[in-house]
C-alpha atoms as a PDB file:
ATOM      1  CA  MET A   1     121.648 -19.905 123.246  1.00  0.00           C
ATOM      2  CA  ILE A   2     124.723 -21.320 121.610  1.00  0.00           C
ATOM      3  CA  GLU A   3     127.331 -23.249 123.575  1.00  0.00           C
ATOM      4  CA  ILE A   4     130.793 -22.562 122.133  1.00  0.00           C
ATOM      5  CA  THR A   5     133.603 -24.920 123.122  1.00  0.00           C
ATOM      6  CA  ASN A   6     137.263 -24.272 122.309  1.00  0.00           C
ATOM      7  CA  ARG A   7     138.869 -27.520 121.160  1.00  0.00           C
ATOM      8  CA  LYS A   8     142.477 -26.334 120.962  1.00  0.00           C
ATOM      9  CA  LYS A   9     145.165 -25.593 123.551  1.00  0.00           C
ATOM     10  CA  HIS A  10     145.504 -21.963 122.489  1.00  0.00           C
ATOM     11  CA  PRO A  11     142.889 -19.217 122.962  1.00  0.00           C
ATOM     12  CA  VAL A  12     140.464 -18.416 120.146  1.00  0.00           C
ATOM     13  CA  GLN A  13     139.298 -14.888 119.388  1.00  0.00           C
ATOM     14  CA  LEU A  14     135.776 -14.375 117.969  1.00  0.00           C
ATOM     15  CA  VAL A  15     134.023 -11.279 116.650  1.00  0.00           C
ATOM     16  CA  VAL A  16     130.474 -10.990 118.055  1.00  0.00           C
ATOM     17  CA  ARG A  17     127.855  -8.284 118.387  1.00  0.00           C
ATOM     18  CA  SER A  18     128.123  -6.017 121.419  1.00  0.00           C
ATOM     19  CA  LYS A  19     125.597  -6.228 124.271  1.00  0.00           C
ATOM     20  CA  THR A  20     125.411  -2.460 124.744  1.00  0.00           C
ATOM     21  CA  ALA A  21     125.413  -0.980 121.239  1.00  0.00           C
ATOM     22  CA  PRO A  22     123.102  -2.646 118.687  1.00  0.00           C
ATOM     23  CA  ARG A  23     125.294  -1.987 115.636  1.00  0.00           C
ATOM     24  CA  ALA A  24     128.726  -2.402 117.233  1.00  0.00           C
ATOM     25  CA  PHE A  25     130.996  -5.433 117.367  1.00  0.00           C
ATOM     26  CA  THR A  26     133.357  -6.651 120.056  1.00  0.00           C
ATOM     27  CA  THR A  27     135.894  -9.440 120.412  1.00  0.00           C
ATOM     28  CA  LEU A  28     135.457 -12.464 122.608  1.00  0.00           C
ATOM     29  CA  ASN A  29     138.457 -14.472 123.801  1.00  0.00           C
ATOM     30  CA  ILE A  30     137.772 -18.098 124.723  1.00  0.00           C
ATOM     31  CA  PRO A  31     140.645 -19.706 126.671  1.00  0.00           C
ATOM     32  CA  GLY A  32     142.203 -23.018 125.624  1.00  0.00           C
ATOM     33  CA  ILE A  33     141.518 -26.489 126.988  1.00  0.00           C
ATOM     34  CA  GLY A  34     144.093 -26.342 129.803  1.00  0.00           C
ATOM     35  CA  ALA A  35     142.544 -23.211 131.355  1.00  0.00           C
ATOM     36  CA  GLY A  36     139.350 -25.041 132.360  1.00  0.00           C
ATOM     37  CA  ASN A  37     137.096 -22.235 131.060  1.00  0.00           C
ATOM     38  CA  ASN A  38     136.886 -23.331 127.438  1.00  0.00           C
ATOM     39  CA  VAL A  39     133.048 -23.246 127.274  1.00  0.00           C
ATOM     40  CA  TYR A  40     131.103 -20.015 126.614  1.00  0.00           C
ATOM     41  CA  TYR A  41     127.354 -19.462 126.250  1.00  0.00           C
ATOM     42  CA  LEU A  42     126.400 -16.878 123.610  1.00  0.00           C
ATOM     43  CA  GLU A  43     122.942 -15.469 122.906  1.00  0.00           C
ATOM     44  CA  ASP A  44     121.559 -16.261 119.439  1.00  0.00           C
ATOM     45  CA  GLU A  45     121.207 -12.615 118.424  1.00  0.00           C
ATOM     46  CA  ARG A  46     124.921 -11.910 119.111  1.00  0.00           C
ATOM     47  CA  THR A  47     126.316 -14.508 116.705  1.00  0.00           C
ATOM     48  CA  THR A  48     128.017 -13.484 113.441  1.00  0.00           C
ATOM     49  CA  GLU A  49     129.351 -15.175 110.321  1.00  0.00           C
ATOM     50  CA  TYR A  50     132.815 -15.158 111.939  1.00  0.00           C
ATOM     51  CA  VAL A  51     131.662 -17.750 114.463  1.00  0.00           C
ATOM     52  CA  GLU A  52     130.646 -20.071 111.618  1.00  0.00           C
ATOM     53  CA  ARG A  53     133.954 -19.438 109.825  1.00  0.00           C
ATOM     54  CA  VAL A  54     135.989 -20.428 112.909  1.00  0.00           C
ATOM     55  CA  LYS A  55     133.750 -23.468 113.360  1.00  0.00           C
ATOM     56  CA  ASP A  56     134.473 -24.551 109.765  1.00  0.00           C
ATOM     57  CA  MET A  57     138.217 -24.241 110.490  1.00  0.00           C
ATOM     58  CA  GLY A  58     137.818 -26.788 113.306  1.00  0.00           C
ATOM     59  CA  LEU A  59     138.925 -24.516 116.143  1.00  0.00           C
ATOM     60  CA  ILE A  60     135.599 -24.535 118.015  1.00  0.00           C
ATOM     61  CA  THR A  61     132.427 -26.584 118.238  1.00  0.00           C
ATOM     62  CA  THR A  62     128.954 -25.133 118.668  1.00  0.00           C
ATOM     63  CA  LYS A  63     125.803 -26.651 120.089  1.00  0.00           C
ATOM     64  CA  GLN A  64     122.309 -25.186 120.354  1.00  0.00           C
ATOM     65  CA  VAL A  65     121.042 -25.242 123.962  1.00  0.00           C
ATOM     66  CA  PRO A  66     117.684 -24.041 125.308  1.00  0.00           C
ATOM     67  CA  ASN A  67     117.522 -20.655 126.999  1.00  0.00           C
ATOM     68  CA  LYS A  68     117.586 -20.736 130.793  1.00  0.00           C
ATOM     69  CA  HIS A  69     114.810 -18.737 132.432  1.00  0.00           C
ATOM     70  CA  LYS A  70     115.150 -17.192 135.880  1.00  0.00           C
ATOM     71  CA  GLY A  71     112.165 -19.001 137.395  1.00  0.00           C
ATOM     72  CA  GLU A  72     113.385 -22.485 136.547  1.00  0.00           C
END
């Protein structure tokens, strides 16, 4: 999984792969710092090159975290 953190005060919109349709895309809005919900966990297979582009702009930070299993 990838932990995405919004570093700015304004919301950031990302284009990611859809959970339901394998070839479709959807948008993901991550709220700003003041909202308190500025961290989002995204599955590895849903990431796109747009996430890396926004990361290079300095709007978000990403960190690789291990997958959480139900039994643990």
